[in-house]
Structure formats: C-alpha cells, structure tokens
Protein backbone atom coordinates (compact mmCIF):
# COMPACT_ATOMS: atom_id res chain seq x y z
CA MET A 1 -2.78 16.66 -12.85
CA SER A 2 -6.57 16.58 -12.03
CA PHE A 3 -8.55 16.70 -15.28
CA ARG A 4 -10.38 19.75 -14.08
CA ALA A 5 -6.70 21.79 -14.72
CA GLY A 6 -8.41 22.56 -18.36
CA VAL A 7 -11.35 24.03 -17.17
CA GLU A 8 -10.60 28.02 -18.44
CA ASP A 9 -8.75 26.92 -21.76
CA MET A 10 -12.00 25.39 -22.74
CA ARG A 11 -14.18 28.14 -21.67
CA SER A 12 -11.53 30.39 -23.85
CA GLU A 13 -12.05 27.95 -26.62
CA VAL A 14 -16.19 28.08 -26.64
CA MET A 15 -15.74 31.76 -26.82
CA GLN A 16 -13.85 31.91 -29.64
CA ARG A 17 -15.69 29.15 -31.25
CA PHE A 18 -19.08 30.06 -31.01
CA ASP A 19 -18.76 33.75 -30.58
CA VAL A 20 -20.69 33.86 -27.25
CA ASP A 21 -20.18 36.48 -24.80
CA PRO A 22 -17.60 35.54 -21.79
CA GLY A 23 -20.44 35.74 -19.04
CA SER A 24 -22.66 32.79 -20.72
CA VAL A 25 -20.03 29.92 -20.44
CA ARG A 26 -20.31 27.19 -17.85
CA VAL A 27 -18.58 24.23 -17.16
CA VAL A 28 -19.87 21.06 -15.80
CA VAL A 29 -17.64 18.26 -14.84
CA SER A 30 -18.47 14.98 -14.65
CA PRO A 31 -16.26 12.10 -12.98
CA TYR A 32 -15.59 8.59 -14.47
CA ARG A 33 -16.07 6.16 -11.48
CA VAL A 34 -14.55 2.94 -9.88
CA CYS A 35 -16.67 0.38 -8.50
CA PRO A 36 -14.50 -1.49 -6.03
CA LEU A 37 -17.39 -4.18 -5.13
CA GLY A 38 -20.87 -5.08 -6.91
CA ALA A 39 -20.11 -6.19 -10.44
CA HIS A 40 -22.97 -6.62 -12.43
CA VAL A 41 -25.56 -6.45 -10.22
CA ASP A 42 -26.87 -3.37 -10.40
CA HIS A 43 -29.57 -4.39 -13.60
CA GLN A 44 -30.61 -6.81 -11.06
CA LEU A 45 -31.40 -4.53 -8.13
CA GLY A 46 -28.36 -5.68 -6.10
CA GLN A 47 -26.36 -3.69 -3.47
CA VAL A 48 -23.05 -1.64 -4.82
CA THR A 49 -20.08 0.59 -4.09
CA GLY A 50 -18.58 3.28 -5.65
CA MET A 51 -16.29 6.14 -5.48
CA THR A 52 -15.39 8.98 -8.33
CA ILE A 53 -11.82 9.50 -9.28
CA ASP A 54 -10.16 12.61 -10.12
CA GLN A 55 -10.52 12.07 -14.32
CA GLY A 56 -13.81 12.44 -16.27
CA VAL A 57 -15.46 14.53 -18.68
CA ILE A 58 -15.64 18.27 -18.90
CA LEU A 59 -18.54 20.50 -20.97
CA ALA A 60 -17.80 24.21 -21.51
CA TYR A 61 -20.64 25.29 -22.78
CA ALA A 62 -23.24 28.77 -23.28
CA PRO A 63 -27.35 28.65 -23.69
CA ALA A 64 -27.74 28.86 -27.54
CA GLY A 65 -30.42 31.70 -28.32
CA ASP A 66 -32.33 29.56 -30.50
CA ARG A 67 -33.46 25.87 -29.99
CA CYS A 68 -30.22 24.33 -32.02
CA VAL A 69 -27.59 22.07 -30.19
CA ARG A 70 -24.05 22.52 -31.76
CA LEU A 71 -21.18 20.73 -30.11
CA ILE A 72 -17.27 19.72 -30.76
CA SER A 73 -15.12 17.27 -29.09
CA ARG A 74 -11.49 17.57 -28.41
CA ASP A 75 -11.49 13.61 -28.43
CA PHE A 76 -13.66 12.63 -31.32
CA PRO A 77 -14.41 14.13 -35.02
CA GLY A 78 -17.18 16.15 -36.65
CA GLU A 79 -19.39 18.42 -34.88
CA VAL A 80 -22.84 17.29 -33.92
CA SER A 81 -25.99 19.55 -34.37
CA PHE A 82 -29.36 19.09 -34.43
CA PHE A 83 -32.43 21.21 -33.14
CA LEU A 84 -34.74 20.08 -30.23
CA ASP A 85 -37.96 19.98 -32.60
CA ALA A 86 -36.28 16.79 -35.02
CA VAL A 87 -33.85 14.96 -32.53
CA PRO A 88 -32.69 12.00 -34.75
CA GLY A 89 -32.06 8.48 -34.07
CA ARG A 90 -29.50 6.59 -32.66
CA ARG A 91 -26.43 6.25 -35.19
CA GLU A 92 -23.85 3.38 -34.60
CA GLY A 93 -20.69 4.67 -33.23
CA ASP A 94 -21.52 8.46 -33.16
CA TRP A 95 -20.75 10.39 -30.05
CA GLY A 96 -23.62 12.86 -30.81
CA ASN A 97 -25.46 9.60 -29.35
CA TYR A 98 -24.95 10.90 -25.93
CA PRO A 99 -26.50 15.01 -26.19
CA ARG A 100 -29.24 13.38 -28.72
CA GLY A 101 -30.05 10.75 -25.95
CA ALA A 102 -30.03 13.64 -23.07
CA VAL A 103 -32.48 15.44 -25.04
CA ARG A 104 -34.86 12.83 -25.90
CA ALA A 105 -35.08 12.06 -21.93
CA LEU A 106 -35.46 15.24 -20.65
CA GLN A 107 -37.50 16.32 -23.01
CA GLU A 108 -39.90 12.76 -21.74
CA ARG A 109 -40.90 15.24 -18.78
CA PHE A 110 -39.60 19.01 -19.08
CA PRO A 111 -40.63 21.12 -22.13
CA LEU A 112 -36.88 22.26 -23.32
CA GLU A 113 -37.01 25.76 -24.93
CA ARG A 114 -33.18 26.30 -25.26
CA GLY A 115 -30.27 24.91 -26.87
CA ILE A 116 -26.40 24.81 -25.90
CA VAL A 117 -23.35 25.42 -27.77
CA GLY A 118 -19.98 23.66 -26.67
CA LEU A 119 -17.18 21.46 -26.01
CA THR A 120 -16.21 18.64 -24.57
CA SER A 121 -12.92 16.98 -23.55
CA GLY A 122 -12.84 13.41 -22.06
CA ARG A 123 -9.61 11.55 -22.48
CA LEU A 124 -10.46 7.97 -21.16
CA ALA A 125 -13.13 6.83 -23.38
CA GLU A 126 -11.98 3.55 -23.80
CA GLY A 127 -14.80 1.83 -21.86
CA GLY A 128 -14.85 0.65 -18.29
CA LEU A 129 -15.00 3.47 -16.25
CA SER A 130 -18.45 4.93 -16.52
CA SER A 131 -17.38 6.89 -19.86
CA SER A 132 -20.95 6.83 -21.50
CA ALA A 133 -22.57 7.65 -18.16
CA ALA A 134 -20.29 10.81 -17.11
CA ILE A 135 -20.87 12.54 -20.38
CA GLY A 136 -24.52 11.67 -20.57
CA VAL A 137 -24.70 13.65 -16.74
CA ALA A 138 -22.97 16.06 -18.39
CA TYR A 139 -25.09 16.62 -20.89
CA LEU A 140 -28.38 16.82 -18.30
CA LEU A 141 -26.95 19.04 -16.00
CA ALA A 142 -25.92 21.29 -19.02
CA LEU A 143 -29.23 21.08 -20.73
CA GLU A 144 -31.09 21.60 -17.32
CA GLU A 145 -29.49 24.65 -16.25
CA ALA A 146 -29.94 26.60 -19.66
CA ASN A 147 -33.67 25.87 -19.54
CA GLY A 148 -33.51 27.14 -15.82
CA ILE A 149 -35.28 23.35 -15.05
CA GLN A 150 -34.60 22.13 -11.54
CA VAL A 151 -33.86 18.20 -10.91
CA SER A 152 -32.75 15.86 -8.11
CA ALA A 153 -29.78 14.17 -7.96
CA ARG A 154 -31.72 10.86 -7.78
CA ASP A 155 -33.96 11.85 -11.20
CA ASN A 156 -31.19 12.69 -12.80
CA ILE A 157 -29.86 8.98 -12.31
CA LEU A 158 -32.98 7.80 -13.70
CA LEU A 159 -32.93 10.29 -16.83
CA ASP A 160 -29.23 9.11 -17.30
CA GLN A 161 -30.20 5.53 -17.18
CA ALA A 162 -32.86 6.28 -19.75
CA ILE A 163 -30.59 7.85 -21.84
CA GLU A 164 -28.53 4.33 -21.75
CA ASN A 165 -31.62 1.73 -21.70
CA ASP A 166 -34.00 3.76 -23.91
CA TYR A 167 -31.83 5.63 -26.57
CA LEU A 168 -28.68 3.36 -26.63
CA GLY A 169 -29.97 0.13 -25.82
CA LEU A 170 -27.86 -0.88 -22.91
CA ARG A 171 -29.42 -3.06 -20.08
CA ASN A 172 -27.76 -1.48 -17.12
CA GLY A 173 -28.57 -0.50 -13.94
CA ILE A 174 -27.76 2.70 -11.91
CA LEU A 175 -24.38 1.96 -10.53
CA ASP A 176 -22.55 4.07 -13.02
CA GLN A 177 -24.47 7.37 -12.82
CA ALA A 178 -25.77 6.94 -9.12
CA THR A 179 -21.81 6.75 -8.19
CA ILE A 180 -21.38 10.08 -10.36
CA LEU A 181 -23.67 12.31 -9.28
CA LEU A 182 -23.69 11.04 -5.36
CA SER A 183 -20.23 10.47 -4.46
CA LYS A 184 -17.94 12.38 -2.23
CA ARG A 185 -14.32 12.57 -2.61
CA GLY A 186 -12.69 10.03 -0.36
CA PHE A 187 -16.14 8.59 0.63
CA LEU A 188 -17.31 4.83 -0.19
CA THR A 189 -20.58 5.31 -1.74
CA HIS A 190 -22.89 2.41 -1.14
CA ILE A 191 -25.97 2.20 -3.22
CA HIS A 192 -29.04 -0.18 -2.80
CA CYS A 193 -30.46 -0.29 -6.40
CA SER A 194 -33.69 -1.88 -5.39
CA ASP A 195 -34.80 1.79 -4.33
CA GLY A 196 -32.00 3.82 -5.00
CA SER A 197 -30.69 4.87 -1.43
CA HIS A 198 -27.22 5.55 -0.48
CA SER A 199 -25.13 6.00 2.45
CA LEU A 200 -21.55 7.58 2.09
CA ILE A 201 -19.14 6.33 4.16
CA PRO A 202 -16.21 8.17 5.44
CA PRO A 203 -12.66 6.53 5.42
CA ALA A 204 -11.23 5.37 9.06
CA ALA A 205 -9.02 7.79 10.64
CA HIS A 206 -6.11 5.49 10.64
CA MET A 207 -6.71 3.65 6.67
CA PRO A 208 -3.67 3.48 4.94
CA SER A 209 -2.97 5.95 1.99
CA PHE A 210 -4.28 4.74 -0.93
CA ALA A 211 -4.82 5.01 -4.80
CA PHE A 212 -6.09 3.36 -7.93
CA VAL A 213 -4.24 2.26 -10.59
CA ILE A 214 -6.20 1.40 -14.23
CA ALA A 215 -4.63 -0.53 -16.44
CA PHE A 216 -6.43 -0.33 -19.73
CA SER A 217 -6.62 -3.64 -21.95
CA GLY A 218 -6.09 -1.43 -25.30
CA LEU A 219 -9.22 -3.41 -26.75
CA GLN A 220 -12.35 -0.52 -28.04
CA GLN A 221 -15.12 -2.96 -29.16
CA ALA A 222 -18.59 -1.17 -28.34
CA LEU A 223 -20.03 -2.43 -24.99
CA VAL A 224 -23.68 -2.73 -26.79
CA SER A 225 -22.22 -5.53 -29.33
CA THR A 226 -20.98 -7.60 -26.23
CA ASP A 227 -22.71 -10.07 -24.64
CA TYR A 228 -23.64 -7.46 -21.78
CA ASN A 229 -27.44 -8.01 -22.75
CA ARG A 230 -27.25 -11.75 -23.08
CA ARG A 231 -25.65 -11.93 -19.36
CA VAL A 232 -28.65 -9.51 -18.39
CA GLU A 233 -31.72 -12.22 -19.69
CA GLU A 234 -29.50 -15.16 -17.96
CA CYS A 235 -29.94 -13.22 -14.79
CA ALA A 236 -33.60 -13.10 -15.67
CA THR A 237 -34.02 -16.41 -16.29
CA ALA A 238 -32.43 -17.77 -12.91
CA ALA A 239 -34.93 -15.05 -11.34
CA ARG A 240 -37.84 -16.50 -12.69
CA THR A 241 -37.25 -20.15 -11.74
CA LEU A 242 -36.62 -19.29 -8.60
CA LEU A 243 -39.64 -16.90 -8.29
CA ASP A 244 -41.64 -19.68 -9.93
CA ALA A 245 -40.42 -22.15 -7.19
CA CYS A 246 -41.02 -19.95 -4.28
CA GLY A 247 -44.73 -19.50 -5.63
CA ARG A 248 -44.10 -15.95 -6.62
CA THR A 249 -44.97 -15.85 -10.03
CA ASP A 250 -45.89 -12.52 -10.47
CA ALA A 251 -42.87 -11.26 -9.25
CA PRO A 252 -40.60 -9.00 -11.80
CA ALA A 253 -37.88 -11.67 -12.78
CA LEU A 254 -35.10 -9.99 -11.03
CA LEU A 255 -32.64 -11.55 -8.54
CA GLY A 256 -33.22 -8.74 -6.55
CA HIS A 257 -36.41 -9.94 -6.02
CA VAL A 258 -35.25 -13.37 -4.46
CA THR A 259 -34.35 -13.48 -0.72
CA ARG A 260 -30.59 -15.20 0.22
CA ALA A 261 -32.97 -18.14 2.20
CA GLU A 262 -35.21 -18.22 -1.07
CA TYR A 263 -32.14 -18.88 -3.08
CA LEU A 264 -30.40 -21.35 -1.08
CA GLU A 265 -33.59 -23.37 -0.55
CA HIS A 266 -34.23 -23.60 -4.52
CA ALA A 267 -30.70 -23.07 -5.97
CA ASP A 268 -30.94 -26.77 -7.21
CA THR A 269 -33.60 -25.69 -9.56
CA LEU A 270 -31.35 -23.94 -11.55
CA THR A 271 -28.90 -25.38 -13.94
CA GLY A 272 -26.04 -24.18 -16.75
CA ALA A 273 -25.72 -20.29 -16.68
CA PRO A 274 -28.35 -19.44 -15.20
CA ALA A 275 -27.64 -21.13 -12.16
CA ARG A 276 -23.59 -19.44 -11.98
CA ARG A 277 -25.42 -15.97 -13.13
CA ALA A 278 -27.46 -16.30 -9.34
CA ALA A 279 -24.11 -18.05 -7.40
CA HIS A 280 -22.27 -14.92 -8.32
CA PHE A 281 -25.24 -12.42 -7.63
CA PHE A 282 -25.53 -13.96 -4.14
CA ALA A 283 -21.90 -14.12 -3.39
CA GLU A 284 -21.12 -10.97 -4.72
CA THR A 285 -24.20 -9.22 -2.65
CA GLU A 286 -22.65 -10.88 0.57
CA ARG A 287 -18.86 -9.39 -0.63
CA VAL A 288 -20.61 -6.04 -0.90
CA GLU A 289 -21.81 -6.38 2.99
CA GLN A 290 -18.62 -7.37 4.04
CA GLY A 291 -16.79 -4.66 2.32
CA VAL A 292 -18.37 -1.73 3.64
CA GLU A 293 -17.99 -3.39 6.85
CA ALA A 294 -14.23 -3.41 5.96
CA TRP A 295 -13.97 0.29 4.50
CA ARG A 296 -15.40 1.31 7.87
CA ALA A 297 -13.10 -0.36 9.79
CA GLY A 298 -9.96 0.92 7.73
CA ASP A 299 -9.45 -2.60 6.84
CA LEU A 300 -7.62 -2.40 2.99
CA ASP A 301 -6.24 -5.66 2.89
CA ARG A 302 -9.34 -7.32 3.70
CA PHE A 303 -11.47 -4.95 1.53
CA GLY A 304 -8.86 -5.65 -1.32
CA ALA A 305 -9.19 -9.15 -0.64
CA LEU A 306 -13.15 -9.25 -1.46
CA ILE A 307 -12.61 -7.03 -4.96
CA THR A 308 -10.07 -9.64 -5.84
CA ALA A 309 -12.44 -12.56 -5.04
CA SER A 310 -15.18 -10.36 -7.03
CA GLY A 311 -13.09 -10.28 -9.91
CA SER A 312 -12.66 -14.16 -9.74
CA SER A 313 -16.57 -14.28 -9.94
CA SER A 314 -16.76 -12.35 -12.94
CA ILE A 315 -14.15 -14.89 -14.50
CA HIS A 316 -15.84 -18.16 -13.42
CA GLN A 317 -19.45 -17.73 -12.54
CA TYR A 318 -20.51 -14.36 -14.67
CA GLU A 319 -17.96 -15.56 -17.41
CA CYS A 320 -17.27 -12.09 -18.34
CA GLY A 321 -14.06 -11.10 -20.08
CA CYS A 322 -11.30 -11.97 -22.45
CA GLU A 323 -7.66 -12.94 -22.38
CA PRO A 324 -6.19 -9.62 -22.83
CA LEU A 325 -8.54 -8.42 -19.52
CA ILE A 326 -7.89 -12.04 -17.68
CA ASP A 327 -4.13 -10.89 -18.37
CA LEU A 328 -4.14 -7.64 -16.24
CA TYR A 329 -6.12 -9.02 -13.42
CA ASP A 330 -3.66 -11.70 -12.93
CA ILE A 331 -0.43 -9.51 -13.33
CA LEU A 332 -2.20 -7.09 -10.91
CA THR A 333 -3.44 -9.43 -8.28
CA ASN A 334 0.19 -10.74 -8.49
CA THR A 335 2.08 -7.36 -7.93
CA PRO A 336 3.01 -6.58 -4.56
CA GLY A 337 1.56 -3.54 -3.27
CA VAL A 338 -1.66 -4.17 -4.88
CA TYR A 339 -4.67 -4.54 -2.24
CA GLY A 340 -6.84 -5.84 -5.06
CA ALA A 341 -7.91 -5.86 -8.78
CA ARG A 342 -10.70 -6.73 -11.15
CA PHE A 343 -12.24 -5.86 -14.23
CA SER A 344 -13.88 -2.13 -14.48
CA GLY A 345 -17.14 -2.36 -16.73
CA ALA A 346 -18.99 -5.41 -18.25
CA GLY A 347 -15.44 -6.93 -18.46
CA PHE A 348 -15.68 -7.51 -22.35
CA ARG A 349 -13.18 -4.78 -23.30
CA GLY A 350 -11.88 -1.52 -21.14
CA CYS A 351 -9.87 -2.02 -18.20
CA CYS A 352 -8.72 -3.43 -14.78
CA VAL A 353 -8.84 -1.41 -11.71
CA ALA A 354 -6.67 -2.24 -8.70
CA MET A 355 -6.53 -0.37 -5.48
CA VAL A 356 -2.99 -0.06 -4.61
CA ARG A 357 -0.76 1.51 -1.47
CA ALA A 358 -0.11 5.14 -2.78
CA ASP A 359 3.44 4.68 -2.37
CA ALA A 360 3.91 1.58 -4.34
CA ALA A 361 1.77 3.31 -7.36
CA ALA A 362 4.35 4.13 -9.33
CA ALA A 363 6.52 1.07 -9.33
CA ILE A 364 3.20 -0.66 -9.67
CA VAL A 365 2.34 0.68 -13.00
CA THR A 366 6.20 0.23 -14.47
CA GLN A 367 5.98 -3.20 -13.58
CA VAL A 368 1.98 -3.76 -15.07
CA GLN A 369 3.30 -2.12 -18.32
CA GLU A 370 6.31 -4.74 -18.46
CA ALA A 371 4.22 -7.35 -17.73
CA TYR A 372 1.55 -6.83 -20.07
CA GLN A 373 4.00 -5.90 -23.06
CA SER A 374 5.10 -9.33 -22.38
CA ALA A 375 1.31 -11.13 -22.57
CA GLN A 376 -0.14 -8.48 -24.81
CA PRO A 377 2.54 -6.95 -27.20
CA GLN A 378 -0.08 -6.01 -29.88
CA LEU A 379 -2.45 -4.13 -27.65
CA ALA A 380 0.15 -2.99 -25.21
CA ALA A 381 1.32 0.37 -27.14
CA LYS A 382 -2.29 1.46 -27.03
CA ALA A 383 -2.91 0.22 -23.16
CA PRO A 384 -2.03 3.06 -21.02
CA VAL A 385 -1.50 2.46 -17.51
CA LEU A 386 -2.59 5.33 -15.23
CA VAL A 387 -2.34 6.26 -11.11
CA CYS A 388 -5.78 7.74 -9.85
CA ALA A 389 -6.99 9.46 -6.80
CA PRO A 390 -10.41 9.64 -5.32
CA GLY A 391 -12.33 12.74 -6.85
CA HIS A 392 -15.51 14.62 -6.34
CA GLY A 393 -18.88 14.22 -7.87
CA ALA A 394 -20.28 15.89 -11.06
CA GLY A 395 -21.12 19.55 -10.72
CA HIS A 396 -20.76 22.83 -11.81
CA VAL A 397 -17.70 24.56 -11.51
C-alpha cells in the first residue's frame, strides 16, 4: 500500500490536535529515493541517477496564526516548538533539527512571517533512502506555501542542501534533494551535479516489469558521526593533487573539475586512500554513462550488472560499508531474480537496495530474510525487508 494512503487520517489529526479549520490544512508528500548508479560522487560534482519510490514522508500542516512553529511526529517522541525570531541551533539526535534547519535556510533569502503547526509521518527513518533530505524538502515546501513564497525546484534543491551542509554539518551533494524534487514516476532521473542540469529518461516500451527490494541492516548509527565526511576530504586531497599536476592550482579541489584524460595522465601521482577514491569516482562516472544507455535500451540485465559493480567499487575503492551491509550485498547479489544491488546512502549504516524482477520480489524477500537471520541474528529482528515500486516526486496533494 502506498504511504499516501494515510493522508486523510493525518489531516483529521492536525485539525483535532491544533484546533484549526479544515479548509486550512494542507499536505505535502516527499518520497524517499534510490540511486541505482552514481554512488559517492555527487559531492564531487559527478553524474548520478535516481528514482523516487512509493514510500516517504507525509507532512500535514496548517499555517499558524503567529510566528511559532509547532510540530508533532508519529515516529519520534515529543513536540517541537520554536519561534521564527529565535531558531535554536542544532541539537544532537533531535528530530527538530530538520524544521529548524529549514527555517534558517529560508530566512537567508526570504522574510518569513508565519509559522506552521503540523504532524509528520515517515516510517523508514533508519537511513540510506534520503529520509533526512525528504523531510527537509517537506518542511521547505510547507513553510514556503504558508508564507506565499514561490521557489523553483532548483532553488529548493540548494535550500535543502543548505539544511544538511550548513545546519547539520553533513558534506553531501545534491543527489538526494534533486531526485526527490525532480523525479517522475517510472522515469530514471539523470543529474549532472556540476551544474544541476537533469534529464528524465522514460522506461523503454519493452522494459521488463521491475520492483525494488529494500533490505535494512538494523544499524542505527547517525550518518554525521561516521567516516562520511572523511571520505569527502580524501576525495578533495585526490582532486588537489591531480589539479596541481595539471597546472590548475586555482581550481576548486573537486574531482568533477578533473577530466578523465587528465586523471589517466596523472593517476600515478596518487597513492593510498586518495588514489582509491579517485579510481572509484572515474569508474563510477563511466558506469553512470553506460547505465543511462542500458536504461534507454530497456536492458535491465546490463543495468543491474552495473549496479552490482557500483556496489563492489563502494566496498573496495571507496571503502565504505560494514560487515552487516556487506553481508546483505552478498546475499542480494547471489539471489535469483535480482538484477543488481548495492548499498543505499553512505554505506556505514542503513540498507541495501536491489532492483529485482517484479514477479520474483516476494520470494526474494523470504530468501533474504532467512539468509540475513543466519548471517546477523542479533540485527535481523530489527531489519525489515520491503518491496517498493517507483513513485512520484515531492509536492502538495
């Protein structure tokens, strides 16, 4: 059942909890995303692909009569309450970081006169499906509508990135936000992170029916406390070395500013971790380009093989992942009916995503659950395995 099925129930709860007029209640849905190809390259201005799924965040809200933001959640305890004039700083582990970050990001560019009251719901908060970007987008869209502000999708991508970069301290790129805001159901979203341009590639007429199996690890560690930011620094070190070798010392230290020809000419100047991060970046760029062509041709066998190769490179070249996630990756890639699989998110917690034959999805879920129970019995009980379908992009309903 689609996560949108709970919309009317949430409308009613907002009316009852906050004593607001029925006509004032709005609803934003903001889906989670999967990234078939383009792992760990968005923060280096690389190319990525994404699709939204039929799971995500719902925010039912009404414009407040004053400058206060008041929010409750079906998934997290407590009430978040603050005034637009005195937005608190980030608090470790507090779900209120996202609405506070959204207000701060918007206030950098727009005057906000009204707060909101509302209720959020989003059952897949374990990480790996862009849950933080999804809720950030939802708050931005709600606050903009409540204040009569017109913001383009491109600007909202940058605003949501500001929530995560500036308020939360996570040095990620635009993959999550762009996929959530730009995607169309069933299409592959191809994004050039260097300039924000994108294309929506429709499924081929003869493409086989497919689904996504999402296998969670049961790990709960917060992303910003992992080695995510260290990997970004190692990419910057590689970029600086390559750009200096090319004589472009003034160029920003991002691998996206290095051409493939320049990398091949100067790769021997890299050693250790930076060498492996650069090798992943340039190989992943090729996989994205090949994957786009495979998708256009409706060749899911080829597309899936590239996803699996991306997963292998994430383990061996980007060196992310941990034993439970690598176990899931191995289980999925060895299960019949799976086109391809890889980690979703940074690979330090969260889940693996597999593109699978639609008619094999139920059997795959059973096989993965049984195999993960054997491999990680202490985590398996809190590690759901779900079947999801492609979904719509974010917006009001």
